[in-house]
ModelCIF file with pLDDT and N, C-alpha, C, O atoms, coordinates in Angstrom:
data_MODEL
#
_entry.id   MODEL 
#
_entity.id                         1 
_entity.type                       polymer 
_entity.pdbx_number_of_molecules   1 
#
_entity_poly.entity_id                      1 
_entity_poly.type                           'polypeptide(L)' 
_entity_poly.nstd_linkage                   no 
_entity_poly.nstd_monomer                   no 
_entity_poly.pdbx_seq_one_letter_code       IVYLQMNSLQAEDTAIYYCGATGYISKEAISRSMAYDNWG 
_entity_poly.pdbx_seq_one_letter_code_can   IVYLQMNSLQAEDTAIYYCGATGYISKEAISRSMAYDNWG 
_entity_poly.pdbx_strand_id                 A 
#
loop_
_entity_poly_seq.entity_id 
_entity_poly_seq.num 
_entity_poly_seq.mon_id 
_entity_poly_seq.hetero 
1 1  ILE n 
1 2  VAL n 
1 3  TYR n 
1 4  LEU n 
1 5  GLN n 
1 6  MET n 
1 7  ASN n 
1 8  SER n 
1 9  LEU n 
1 10 GLN n 
1 11 ALA n 
1 12 GLU n 
1 13 ASP n 
1 14 THR n 
1 15 ALA n 
1 16 ILE n 
1 17 TYR n 
1 18 TYR n 
1 19 CYS n 
1 20 GLY n 
1 21 ALA n 
1 22 THR n 
1 23 GLY n 
1 24 TYR n 
1 25 ILE n 
1 26 SER n 
1 27 LYS n 
1 28 GLU n 
1 29 ALA n 
1 30 ILE n 
1 31 SER n 
1 32 ARG n 
1 33 SER n 
1 34 MET n 
1 35 ALA n 
1 36 TYR n 
1 37 ASP n 
1 38 ASN n 
1 39 TRP n 
1 40 GLY n 
#
_struct_asym.id          A 
_struct_asym.entity_id   1 
#
loop_
_ma_qa_metric.id 
_ma_qa_metric.mode 
_ma_qa_metric.name 
_ma_qa_metric.software_group_id 
_ma_qa_metric.type 
1 global pLDDT . pLDDT 
2 local  pLDDT . pLDDT 
#
_ma_qa_metric_global.metric_id      1 
_ma_qa_metric_global.metric_value   95.97 
_ma_qa_metric_global.model_id       1 
_ma_qa_metric_global.ordinal_id     1 
#
loop_
_ma_qa_metric_local.label_asym_id 
_ma_qa_metric_local.label_comp_id 
_ma_qa_metric_local.label_seq_id 
_ma_qa_metric_local.metric_id 
_ma_qa_metric_local.metric_value 
_ma_qa_metric_local.model_id 
_ma_qa_metric_local.ordinal_id 
A ILE 1  2 94.00 1 1  
A VAL 2  2 96.00 1 2  
A TYR 3  2 98.00 1 3  
A LEU 4  2 98.00 1 4  
A GLN 5  2 98.00 1 5  
A MET 6  2 98.00 1 6  
A ASN 7  2 98.00 1 7  
A SER 8  2 98.00 1 8  
A LEU 9  2 98.00 1 9  
A GLN 10 2 97.00 1 10 
A ALA 11 2 97.00 1 11 
A GLU 12 2 96.00 1 12 
A ASP 13 2 98.00 1 13 
A THR 14 2 98.00 1 14 
A ALA 15 2 98.00 1 15 
A ILE 16 2 98.00 1 16 
A TYR 17 2 98.00 1 17 
A TYR 18 2 98.00 1 18 
A CYS 19 2 97.00 1 19 
A GLY 20 2 96.00 1 20 
A ALA 21 2 95.00 1 21 
A THR 22 2 94.00 1 22 
A GLY 23 2 92.00 1 23 
A TYR 24 2 90.00 1 24 
A ILE 25 2 92.00 1 25 
A SER 26 2 93.00 1 26 
A LYS 27 2 92.00 1 27 
A GLU 28 2 94.00 1 28 
A ALA 29 2 96.00 1 29 
A ILE 30 2 96.00 1 30 
A SER 31 2 97.00 1 31 
A ARG 32 2 97.00 1 32 
A SER 33 2 97.00 1 33 
A MET 34 2 96.00 1 34 
A ALA 35 2 96.00 1 35 
A TYR 36 2 96.00 1 36 
A ASP 37 2 92.00 1 37 
A ASN 38 2 94.00 1 38 
A TRP 39 2 96.00 1 39 
A GLY 40 2 97.00 1 40 
#
loop_
_atom_site.group_PDB 
_atom_site.id 
_atom_site.type_symbol 
_atom_site.label_atom_id 
_atom_site.label_alt_id 
_atom_site.label_comp_id 
_atom_site.label_asym_id 
_atom_site.label_entity_id 
_atom_site.label_seq_id 
_atom_site.pdbx_PDB_ins_code 
_atom_site.Cartn_x 
_atom_site.Cartn_y 
_atom_site.Cartn_z 
_atom_site.occupancy 
_atom_site.B_iso_or_equiv 
_atom_site.pdbx_formal_charge 
_atom_site.auth_seq_id 
_atom_site.auth_comp_id 
_atom_site.auth_asym_id 
_atom_site.auth_atom_id 
_atom_site.pdbx_PDB_model_num 
ATOM 1   N N  . ILE A 1 1  ? 0.969   8.678   11.554  1.00 94.00 ? 1  ILE A N  1 
ATOM 2   C CA . ILE A 1 1  ? 2.935   7.940   10.612  1.00 94.00 ? 1  ILE A CA 1 
ATOM 3   C C  . ILE A 1 1  ? 2.492   6.401   10.236  1.00 94.00 ? 1  ILE A C  1 
ATOM 4   O O  . ILE A 1 1  ? 2.191   5.612   11.131  1.00 94.00 ? 1  ILE A O  1 
ATOM 5   N N  . VAL A 1 2  ? 2.478   6.091   9.074   1.00 96.00 ? 2  VAL A N  1 
ATOM 6   C CA . VAL A 1 2  ? 2.572   4.710   8.336   1.00 96.00 ? 2  VAL A CA 1 
ATOM 7   C C  . VAL A 1 2  ? 4.110   4.854   7.934   1.00 96.00 ? 2  VAL A C  1 
ATOM 8   O O  . VAL A 1 2  ? 4.748   5.854   7.604   1.00 96.00 ? 2  VAL A O  1 
ATOM 9   N N  . TYR A 1 3  ? 4.527   3.396   8.085   1.00 98.00 ? 3  TYR A N  1 
ATOM 10  C CA . TYR A 1 3  ? 6.154   3.713   7.684   1.00 98.00 ? 3  TYR A CA 1 
ATOM 11  C C  . TYR A 1 3  ? 6.194   1.911   7.192   1.00 98.00 ? 3  TYR A C  1 
ATOM 12  O O  . TYR A 1 3  ? 5.652   0.873   7.572   1.00 98.00 ? 3  TYR A O  1 
ATOM 13  N N  . LEU A 1 4  ? 7.416   2.422   5.886   1.00 98.00 ? 4  LEU A N  1 
ATOM 14  C CA . LEU A 1 4  ? 7.485   1.369   5.015   1.00 98.00 ? 4  LEU A CA 1 
ATOM 15  C C  . LEU A 1 4  ? 9.296   0.914   5.402   1.00 98.00 ? 4  LEU A C  1 
ATOM 16  O O  . LEU A 1 4  ? 9.917   1.427   4.471   1.00 98.00 ? 4  LEU A O  1 
ATOM 17  N N  . GLN A 1 5  ? 10.019  0.413   6.063   1.00 98.00 ? 5  GLN A N  1 
ATOM 18  C CA . GLN A 1 5  ? 10.846  -0.127  6.037   1.00 98.00 ? 5  GLN A CA 1 
ATOM 19  C C  . GLN A 1 5  ? 11.394  -1.259  5.227   1.00 98.00 ? 5  GLN A C  1 
ATOM 20  O O  . GLN A 1 5  ? 11.500  -2.359  5.770   1.00 98.00 ? 5  GLN A O  1 
ATOM 21  N N  . MET A 1 6  ? 11.779  -1.086  3.890   1.00 98.00 ? 6  MET A N  1 
ATOM 22  C CA . MET A 1 6  ? 12.543  -1.974  2.245   1.00 98.00 ? 6  MET A CA 1 
ATOM 23  C C  . MET A 1 6  ? 13.897  -1.943  2.865   1.00 98.00 ? 6  MET A C  1 
ATOM 24  O O  . MET A 1 6  ? 14.465  -1.107  3.569   1.00 98.00 ? 6  MET A O  1 
ATOM 25  N N  . ASN A 1 7  ? 14.336  -3.415  2.267   1.00 98.00 ? 7  ASN A N  1 
ATOM 26  C CA . ASN A 1 7  ? 15.360  -3.859  2.764   1.00 98.00 ? 7  ASN A CA 1 
ATOM 27  C C  . ASN A 1 7  ? 15.793  -4.907  1.734   1.00 98.00 ? 7  ASN A C  1 
ATOM 28  O O  . ASN A 1 7  ? 14.809  -5.574  1.415   1.00 98.00 ? 7  ASN A O  1 
ATOM 29  N N  . SER A 1 8  ? 16.916  -5.302  1.091   1.00 98.00 ? 8  SER A N  1 
ATOM 30  C CA . SER A 1 8  ? 17.370  -5.826  -0.488  1.00 98.00 ? 8  SER A CA 1 
ATOM 31  C C  . SER A 1 8  ? 16.713  -5.516  -1.036  1.00 98.00 ? 8  SER A C  1 
ATOM 32  O O  . SER A 1 8  ? 16.003  -6.428  -1.462  1.00 98.00 ? 8  SER A O  1 
ATOM 33  N N  . LEU A 1 9  ? 16.389  -4.326  -1.444  1.00 98.00 ? 9  LEU A N  1 
ATOM 34  C CA . LEU A 1 9  ? 15.943  -3.819  -2.627  1.00 98.00 ? 9  LEU A CA 1 
ATOM 35  C C  . LEU A 1 9  ? 16.127  -4.276  -4.252  1.00 98.00 ? 9  LEU A C  1 
ATOM 36  O O  . LEU A 1 9  ? 17.178  -3.909  -4.776  1.00 98.00 ? 9  LEU A O  1 
ATOM 37  N N  . GLN A 1 10 ? 15.390  -4.878  -4.895  1.00 97.00 ? 10 GLN A N  1 
ATOM 38  C CA . GLN A 1 10 ? 16.243  -5.510  -6.287  1.00 97.00 ? 10 GLN A CA 1 
ATOM 39  C C  . GLN A 1 10 ? 15.281  -4.170  -7.296  1.00 97.00 ? 10 GLN A C  1 
ATOM 40  O O  . GLN A 1 10 ? 14.359  -3.425  -6.963  1.00 97.00 ? 10 GLN A O  1 
ATOM 41  N N  . ALA A 1 11 ? 15.807  -4.293  -8.215  1.00 97.00 ? 11 ALA A N  1 
ATOM 42  C CA . ALA A 1 11 ? 15.351  -3.274  -10.036 1.00 97.00 ? 11 ALA A CA 1 
ATOM 43  C C  . ALA A 1 11 ? 13.864  -3.515  -10.109 1.00 97.00 ? 11 ALA A C  1 
ATOM 44  O O  . ALA A 1 11 ? 13.433  -2.468  -10.591 1.00 97.00 ? 11 ALA A O  1 
ATOM 45  N N  . GLU A 1 12 ? 12.854  -4.316  -9.896  1.00 96.00 ? 12 GLU A N  1 
ATOM 46  C CA . GLU A 1 12 ? 11.520  -5.263  -9.540  1.00 96.00 ? 12 GLU A CA 1 
ATOM 47  C C  . GLU A 1 12 ? 10.971  -4.329  -8.423  1.00 96.00 ? 12 GLU A C  1 
ATOM 48  O O  . GLU A 1 12 ? 9.800   -4.458  -8.063  1.00 96.00 ? 12 GLU A O  1 
ATOM 49  N N  . ASP A 1 13 ? 11.642  -3.558  -7.962  1.00 98.00 ? 13 ASP A N  1 
ATOM 50  C CA . ASP A 1 13 ? 11.208  -2.995  -6.709  1.00 98.00 ? 13 ASP A CA 1 
ATOM 51  C C  . ASP A 1 13 ? 10.788  -1.211  -7.298  1.00 98.00 ? 13 ASP A C  1 
ATOM 52  O O  . ASP A 1 13 ? 9.787   -0.702  -6.795  1.00 98.00 ? 13 ASP A O  1 
ATOM 53  N N  . THR A 1 14 ? 11.449  -0.538  -8.144  1.00 98.00 ? 14 THR A N  1 
ATOM 54  C CA . THR A 1 14 ? 11.226  0.637   -9.209  1.00 98.00 ? 14 THR A CA 1 
ATOM 55  C C  . THR A 1 14 ? 9.772   0.295   -9.604  1.00 98.00 ? 14 THR A C  1 
ATOM 56  O O  . THR A 1 14 ? 9.227   -0.636  -10.195 1.00 98.00 ? 14 THR A O  1 
ATOM 57  N N  . ALA A 1 15 ? 9.208   1.948   -8.770  1.00 98.00 ? 15 ALA A N  1 
ATOM 58  C CA . ALA A 1 15 ? 7.954   1.984   -9.520  1.00 98.00 ? 15 ALA A CA 1 
ATOM 59  C C  . ALA A 1 15 ? 7.768   3.591   -7.988  1.00 98.00 ? 15 ALA A C  1 
ATOM 60  O O  . ALA A 1 15 ? 8.582   3.940   -7.132  1.00 98.00 ? 15 ALA A O  1 
ATOM 61  N N  . ILE A 1 16 ? 6.347   4.127   -8.308  1.00 98.00 ? 16 ILE A N  1 
ATOM 62  C CA . ILE A 1 16 ? 6.044   5.178   -7.614  1.00 98.00 ? 16 ILE A CA 1 
ATOM 63  C C  . ILE A 1 16 ? 4.764   4.362   -6.130  1.00 98.00 ? 16 ILE A C  1 
ATOM 64  O O  . ILE A 1 16 ? 3.872   3.515   -6.128  1.00 98.00 ? 16 ILE A O  1 
ATOM 65  N N  . TYR A 1 17 ? 5.335   5.147   -5.233  1.00 98.00 ? 17 TYR A N  1 
ATOM 66  C CA . TYR A 1 17 ? 5.111   4.033   -4.091  1.00 98.00 ? 17 TYR A CA 1 
ATOM 67  C C  . TYR A 1 17 ? 3.969   5.062   -3.285  1.00 98.00 ? 17 TYR A C  1 
ATOM 68  O O  . TYR A 1 17 ? 4.103   6.273   -3.107  1.00 98.00 ? 17 TYR A O  1 
ATOM 69  N N  . TYR A 1 18 ? 3.047   4.375   -2.945  1.00 98.00 ? 18 TYR A N  1 
ATOM 70  C CA . TYR A 1 18 ? 1.572   5.321   -2.402  1.00 98.00 ? 18 TYR A CA 1 
ATOM 71  C C  . TYR A 1 18 ? 0.691   4.543   -1.608  1.00 98.00 ? 18 TYR A C  1 
ATOM 72  O O  . TYR A 1 18 ? 0.229   3.402   -1.586  1.00 98.00 ? 18 TYR A O  1 
ATOM 73  N N  . CYS A 1 19 ? 0.629   5.839   -0.820  1.00 97.00 ? 19 CYS A N  1 
ATOM 74  C CA . CYS A 1 19 ? -0.094  5.260   0.664   1.00 97.00 ? 19 CYS A CA 1 
ATOM 75  C C  . CYS A 1 19 ? -1.594  5.631   0.394   1.00 97.00 ? 19 CYS A C  1 
ATOM 76  O O  . CYS A 1 19 ? -2.055  6.704   0.005   1.00 97.00 ? 19 CYS A O  1 
ATOM 77  N N  . GLY A 1 20 ? -2.150  4.611   0.663   1.00 96.00 ? 20 GLY A N  1 
ATOM 78  C CA . GLY A 1 20 ? -3.640  4.336   0.759   1.00 96.00 ? 20 GLY A CA 1 
ATOM 79  C C  . GLY A 1 20 ? -4.363  4.308   2.074   1.00 96.00 ? 20 GLY A C  1 
ATOM 80  O O  . GLY A 1 20 ? -3.652  3.833   2.960   1.00 96.00 ? 20 GLY A O  1 
ATOM 81  N N  . ALA A 1 21 ? -5.789  4.741   2.549   1.00 95.00 ? 21 ALA A N  1 
ATOM 82  C CA . ALA A 1 21 ? -6.264  4.433   4.126   1.00 95.00 ? 21 ALA A CA 1 
ATOM 83  C C  . ALA A 1 21 ? -7.752  4.369   3.276   1.00 95.00 ? 21 ALA A C  1 
ATOM 84  O O  . ALA A 1 21 ? -8.019  4.784   2.148   1.00 95.00 ? 21 ALA A O  1 
ATOM 85  N N  . THR A 1 22 ? -8.664  3.629   4.354   1.00 94.00 ? 22 THR A N  1 
ATOM 86  C CA . THR A 1 22 ? -9.553  3.174   4.275   1.00 94.00 ? 22 THR A CA 1 
ATOM 87  C C  . THR A 1 22 ? -10.101 2.654   5.641   1.00 94.00 ? 22 THR A C  1 
ATOM 88  O O  . THR A 1 22 ? -9.347  2.046   6.400   1.00 94.00 ? 22 THR A O  1 
ATOM 89  N N  . GLY A 1 23 ? -11.889 2.972   6.080   1.00 92.00 ? 23 GLY A N  1 
ATOM 90  C CA . GLY A 1 23 ? -12.367 2.310   6.986   1.00 92.00 ? 23 GLY A CA 1 
ATOM 91  C C  . GLY A 1 23 ? -12.168 0.604   7.012   1.00 92.00 ? 23 GLY A C  1 
ATOM 92  O O  . GLY A 1 23 ? -11.333 0.129   6.243   1.00 92.00 ? 23 GLY A O  1 
ATOM 93  N N  . TYR A 1 24 ? -12.859 -0.201  7.804   1.00 90.00 ? 24 TYR A N  1 
ATOM 94  C CA . TYR A 1 24 ? -12.625 -0.860  7.873   1.00 90.00 ? 24 TYR A CA 1 
ATOM 95  C C  . TYR A 1 24 ? -13.348 -1.687  6.897   1.00 90.00 ? 24 TYR A C  1 
ATOM 96  O O  . TYR A 1 24 ? -14.490 -1.634  6.441   1.00 90.00 ? 24 TYR A O  1 
ATOM 97  N N  . ILE A 1 25 ? -11.920 -2.799  6.635   1.00 92.00 ? 25 ILE A N  1 
ATOM 98  C CA . ILE A 1 25 ? -12.410 -3.244  4.785   1.00 92.00 ? 25 ILE A CA 1 
ATOM 99  C C  . ILE A 1 25 ? -12.187 -4.988  5.652   1.00 92.00 ? 25 ILE A C  1 
ATOM 100 O O  . ILE A 1 25 ? -11.618 -4.886  6.739   1.00 92.00 ? 25 ILE A O  1 
ATOM 101 N N  . SER A 1 26 ? -12.541 -6.304  5.283   1.00 93.00 ? 26 SER A N  1 
ATOM 102 C CA . SER A 1 26 ? -12.240 -7.888  5.517   1.00 93.00 ? 26 SER A CA 1 
ATOM 103 C C  . SER A 1 26 ? -10.840 -7.913  5.174   1.00 93.00 ? 26 SER A C  1 
ATOM 104 O O  . SER A 1 26 ? -10.491 -7.126  4.294   1.00 93.00 ? 26 SER A O  1 
ATOM 105 N N  . LYS A 1 27 ? -10.124 -8.525  5.601   1.00 92.00 ? 27 LYS A N  1 
ATOM 106 C CA . LYS A 1 27 ? -8.659  -8.922  4.795   1.00 92.00 ? 27 LYS A CA 1 
ATOM 107 C C  . LYS A 1 27 ? -8.675  -9.593  3.705   1.00 92.00 ? 27 LYS A C  1 
ATOM 108 O O  . LYS A 1 27 ? -7.628  -9.969  3.178   1.00 92.00 ? 27 LYS A O  1 
ATOM 109 N N  . GLU A 1 28 ? -9.554  -9.778  3.335   1.00 94.00 ? 28 GLU A N  1 
ATOM 110 C CA . GLU A 1 28 ? -9.014  -10.473 1.649   1.00 94.00 ? 28 GLU A CA 1 
ATOM 111 C C  . GLU A 1 28 ? -8.983  -9.326  1.158   1.00 94.00 ? 28 GLU A C  1 
ATOM 112 O O  . GLU A 1 28 ? -8.165  -9.087  0.270   1.00 94.00 ? 28 GLU A O  1 
ATOM 113 N N  . ALA A 1 29 ? -10.240 -7.917  1.808   1.00 96.00 ? 29 ALA A N  1 
ATOM 114 C CA . ALA A 1 29 ? -9.656  -6.748  0.851   1.00 96.00 ? 29 ALA A CA 1 
ATOM 115 C C  . ALA A 1 29 ? -9.040  -6.039  0.802   1.00 96.00 ? 29 ALA A C  1 
ATOM 116 O O  . ALA A 1 29 ? -9.386  -5.107  0.076   1.00 96.00 ? 29 ALA A O  1 
ATOM 117 N N  . ILE A 1 30 ? -7.590  -5.914  1.560   1.00 96.00 ? 30 ILE A N  1 
ATOM 118 C CA . ILE A 1 30 ? -7.017  -5.492  2.103   1.00 96.00 ? 30 ILE A CA 1 
ATOM 119 C C  . ILE A 1 30 ? -5.722  -5.249  0.852   1.00 96.00 ? 30 ILE A C  1 
ATOM 120 O O  . ILE A 1 30 ? -4.879  -4.366  1.014   1.00 96.00 ? 30 ILE A O  1 
ATOM 121 N N  . SER A 1 31 ? -5.717  -5.864  0.018   1.00 97.00 ? 31 SER A N  1 
ATOM 122 C CA . SER A 1 31 ? -4.597  -5.861  -0.442  1.00 97.00 ? 31 SER A CA 1 
ATOM 123 C C  . SER A 1 31 ? -4.890  -5.926  -2.493  1.00 97.00 ? 31 SER A C  1 
ATOM 124 O O  . SER A 1 31 ? -4.264  -6.345  -3.467  1.00 97.00 ? 31 SER A O  1 
ATOM 125 N N  . ARG A 1 32 ? -6.485  -5.082  -2.171  1.00 97.00 ? 32 ARG A N  1 
ATOM 126 C CA . ARG A 1 32 ? -7.556  -4.255  -3.387  1.00 97.00 ? 32 ARG A CA 1 
ATOM 127 C C  . ARG A 1 32 ? -7.297  -3.319  -3.072  1.00 97.00 ? 32 ARG A C  1 
ATOM 128 O O  . ARG A 1 32 ? -7.695  -2.904  -1.984  1.00 97.00 ? 32 ARG A O  1 
ATOM 129 N N  . SER A 1 33 ? -6.422  -2.489  -3.987  1.00 97.00 ? 33 SER A N  1 
ATOM 130 C CA . SER A 1 33 ? -6.465  -1.150  -4.213  1.00 97.00 ? 33 SER A CA 1 
ATOM 131 C C  . SER A 1 33 ? -7.842  -0.162  -4.137  1.00 97.00 ? 33 SER A C  1 
ATOM 132 O O  . SER A 1 33 ? -7.788  0.892   -3.503  1.00 97.00 ? 33 SER A O  1 
ATOM 133 N N  . MET A 1 34 ? -9.147  -0.607  -4.871  1.00 96.00 ? 34 MET A N  1 
ATOM 134 C CA . MET A 1 34 ? -10.440 -0.270  -4.955  1.00 96.00 ? 34 MET A CA 1 
ATOM 135 C C  . MET A 1 34 ? -10.916 -0.289  -3.906  1.00 96.00 ? 34 MET A C  1 
ATOM 136 O O  . MET A 1 34 ? -11.802 0.450   -3.476  1.00 96.00 ? 34 MET A O  1 
ATOM 137 N N  . ALA A 1 35 ? -10.499 -0.946  -3.500  1.00 96.00 ? 35 ALA A N  1 
ATOM 138 C CA . ALA A 1 35 ? -11.338 -1.307  -1.150  1.00 96.00 ? 35 ALA A CA 1 
ATOM 139 C C  . ALA A 1 35 ? -10.945 0.764   -0.688  1.00 96.00 ? 35 ALA A C  1 
ATOM 140 O O  . ALA A 1 35 ? -11.733 1.568   -0.192  1.00 96.00 ? 35 ALA A O  1 
ATOM 141 N N  . TYR A 1 36 ? -9.496  0.990   -1.111  1.00 96.00 ? 36 TYR A N  1 
ATOM 142 C CA . TYR A 1 36 ? -9.270  2.549   -0.614  1.00 96.00 ? 36 TYR A CA 1 
ATOM 143 C C  . TYR A 1 36 ? -10.197 3.734   -0.449  1.00 96.00 ? 36 TYR A C  1 
ATOM 144 O O  . TYR A 1 36 ? -11.237 3.491   -1.060  1.00 96.00 ? 36 TYR A O  1 
ATOM 145 N N  . ASP A 1 37 ? -10.218 4.415   -0.114  1.00 92.00 ? 37 ASP A N  1 
ATOM 146 C CA . ASP A 1 37 ? -10.676 5.988   -0.667  1.00 92.00 ? 37 ASP A CA 1 
ATOM 147 C C  . ASP A 1 37 ? -9.868  6.652   -0.517  1.00 92.00 ? 37 ASP A C  1 
ATOM 148 O O  . ASP A 1 37 ? -10.190 7.681   -1.111  1.00 92.00 ? 37 ASP A O  1 
ATOM 149 N N  . ASN A 1 38 ? -8.949  6.778   -0.088  1.00 94.00 ? 38 ASN A N  1 
ATOM 150 C CA . ASN A 1 38 ? -7.543  7.938   -0.066  1.00 94.00 ? 38 ASN A CA 1 
ATOM 151 C C  . ASN A 1 38 ? -7.049  7.440   -0.222  1.00 94.00 ? 38 ASN A C  1 
ATOM 152 O O  . ASN A 1 38 ? -7.014  6.212   -0.143  1.00 94.00 ? 38 ASN A O  1 
ATOM 153 N N  . TRP A 1 39 ? -5.677  8.994   -0.876  1.00 96.00 ? 39 TRP A N  1 
ATOM 154 C CA . TRP A 1 39 ? -4.401  8.113   -2.028  1.00 96.00 ? 39 TRP A CA 1 
ATOM 155 C C  . TRP A 1 39 ? -3.722  9.476   -1.316  1.00 96.00 ? 39 TRP A C  1 
ATOM 156 O O  . TRP A 1 39 ? -4.116  10.610  -1.043  1.00 96.00 ? 39 TRP A O  1 
ATOM 157 N N  . GLY A 1 40 ? -2.306  8.610   -1.153  1.00 97.00 ? 40 GLY A N  1 
ATOM 158 C CA . GLY A 1 40 ? -1.615  10.131  -1.029  1.00 97.00 ? 40 GLY A CA 1 
ATOM 159 C C  . GLY A 1 40 ? -0.960  10.217  -2.559  1.00 97.00 ? 40 GLY A C  1 
ATOM 160 O O  . GLY A 1 40 ? -0.333  11.218  -2.906  1.00 97.00 ? 40 GLY A O  1 
#
């Protein structure tokens, strides 16, 4: 289980939120959606 606690929400936070998972990747790749193999 992975949680995301969101505080001080703003209108700009409105979106569909997706969970992704992958094997080991570099820290630089963590923020890249193309690095993830699985999505909810």
